[in-house]
Amino acid sequence: MVCEGLLNLFGTSSEEIIEKTQRADADYYQPQIDSLASQNQYLMDLLKKNNIPFETAPER
């Protein structure tokens, strides 16, 4: 309650802070995720090109 009152005093709300944080996280992490996915695809293509089998760990 007190925290929300302080936020309102400064013209914001906890929902706004949560939304801004989620956007900032997405802006920061999405390029890294895309880069890792691209690297993963490159490695998988190399394995296929060289006829090297690749098996993932069995699901638990």
C-alpha atoms as a PDB file:
ATOM      1  CA  MET A   1       0.000   0.000   0.000  1.00  0.00           C
ATOM      2  CA  VAL A   2       2.693   2.493   0.971  1.00  0.00           C
ATOM      3  CA  CYS A   3       4.800   1.619  -2.070  1.00  0.00           C
ATOM      4  CA  GLU A   4       1.839   2.070  -4.411  1.00  0.00           C
ATOM      5  CA  GLY A   5       1.125   5.425  -2.757  1.00  0.00           C
ATOM      6  CA  LEU A   6       4.706   6.553  -3.345  1.00  0.00           C
ATOM      7  CA  LEU A   7       4.547   5.434  -6.961  1.00  0.00           C
ATOM      8  CA  ASN A   8       1.312   7.377  -7.446  1.00  0.00           C
ATOM      9  CA  LEU A   9       2.955  10.410  -5.893  1.00  0.00           C
ATOM     10  CA  PHE A  10       5.584  10.269  -8.645  1.00  0.00           C
ATOM     11  CA  GLY A  11       2.973   9.716 -11.349  1.00  0.00           C
ATOM     12  CA  THR A  12       3.418   6.017 -12.066  1.00  0.00           C
ATOM     13  CA  SER A  13       2.021   2.689 -10.910  1.00  0.00           C
ATOM     14  CA  SER A  14       3.401  -0.746 -10.218  1.00  0.00           C
ATOM     15  CA  GLU A  15       1.641  -2.013 -13.371  1.00  0.00           C
ATOM     16  CA  GLU A  16       3.509   0.551 -15.482  1.00  0.00           C
ATOM     17  CA  ILE A  17       6.827  -0.433 -13.931  1.00  0.00           C
ATOM     18  CA  ILE A  18       6.122  -4.128 -14.546  1.00  0.00           C
ATOM     19  CA  GLU A  19       5.156  -3.407 -18.169  1.00  0.00           C
ATOM     20  CA  LYS A  20       8.288  -1.318 -18.795  1.00  0.00           C
ATOM     21  CA  THR A  21      10.477  -3.998 -17.212  1.00  0.00           C
ATOM     22  CA  GLN A  22       8.936  -6.733 -19.368  1.00  0.00           C
ATOM     23  CA  ARG A  23       9.471  -4.664 -22.532  1.00  0.00           C
ATOM     24  CA  ALA A  24      13.074  -3.927 -21.555  1.00  0.00           C
ATOM     25  CA  ASP A  25      13.688  -7.625 -20.858  1.00  0.00           C
ATOM     26  CA  ALA A  26      12.254  -8.605 -24.236  1.00  0.00           C
ATOM     27  CA  ASP A  27      14.313  -5.950 -26.017  1.00  0.00           C
ATOM     28  CA  TYR A  28      17.449  -7.207 -24.272  1.00  0.00           C
ATOM     29  CA  TYR A  29      16.961 -10.976 -24.469  1.00  0.00           C
ATOM     30  CA  GLN A  30      15.239 -11.487 -27.835  1.00  0.00           C
ATOM     31  CA  PRO A  31      18.322 -10.619 -29.951  1.00  0.00           C
ATOM     32  CA  GLN A  32      20.386 -13.032 -27.849  1.00  0.00           C
ATOM     33  CA  ILE A  33      17.787 -15.766 -28.289  1.00  0.00           C
ATOM     34  CA  ASP A  34      17.697 -15.139 -32.043  1.00  0.00           C
ATOM     35  CA  SER A  35      21.499 -15.311 -32.212  1.00  0.00           C
ATOM     36  CA  LEU A  36      21.607 -18.601 -30.322  1.00  0.00           C
ATOM     37  CA  ALA A  37      18.885 -20.063 -32.531  1.00  0.00           C
ATOM     38  CA  SER A  38      20.872 -19.050 -35.612  1.00  0.00           C
ATOM     39  CA  GLN A  39      24.058 -20.602 -34.222  1.00  0.00           C
ATOM     40  CA  ASN A  40      22.160 -23.759 -33.341  1.00  0.00           C
ATOM     41  CA  GLN A  41      20.786 -24.019 -36.861  1.00  0.00           C
ATOM     42  CA  TYR A  42      24.271 -23.485 -38.323  1.00  0.00           C
ATOM     43  CA  LEU A  43      25.684 -26.309 -36.185  1.00  0.00           C
ATOM     44  CA  MET A  44      22.822 -28.641 -37.072  1.00  0.00           C
ATOM     45  CA  ASP A  45      23.385 -27.909 -40.779  1.00  0.00           C
ATOM     46  CA  LEU A  46      27.093 -28.723 -40.399  1.00  0.00           C
ATOM     47  CA  LEU A  47      26.263 -32.026 -38.751  1.00  0.00           C
ATOM     48  CA  LYS A  48      23.833 -32.955 -41.529  1.00  0.00           C
ATOM     49  CA  LYS A  49      26.262 -31.851 -44.244  1.00  0.00           C
ATOM     50  CA  ASN A  50      28.956 -34.104 -42.816  1.00  0.00           C
ATOM     51  CA  ASN A  51      26.591 -37.002 -42.082  1.00  0.00           C
ATOM     52  CA  ILE A  52      27.225 -36.810 -38.352  1.00  0.00           C
ATOM     53  CA  PRO A  53      24.297 -38.093 -36.315  1.00  0.00           C
ATOM     54  CA  PHE A  54      23.036 -35.986 -33.477  1.00  0.00           C
ATOM     55  CA  GLU A  55      20.754 -37.267 -30.780  1.00  0.00           C
ATOM     56  CA  THR A  56      19.270 -35.131 -28.081  1.00  0.00           C
ATOM     57  CA  ALA A  57      19.085 -36.296 -24.513  1.00  0.00           C
ATOM     58  CA  PRO A  58      15.970 -38.334 -23.788  1.00  0.00           C
ATOM     59  CA  GLU A  59      13.123 -36.474 -22.154  1.00  0.00           C
ATOM     60  CA  ARG A  60      12.619 -37.160 -18.477  1.00  0.00           C
END
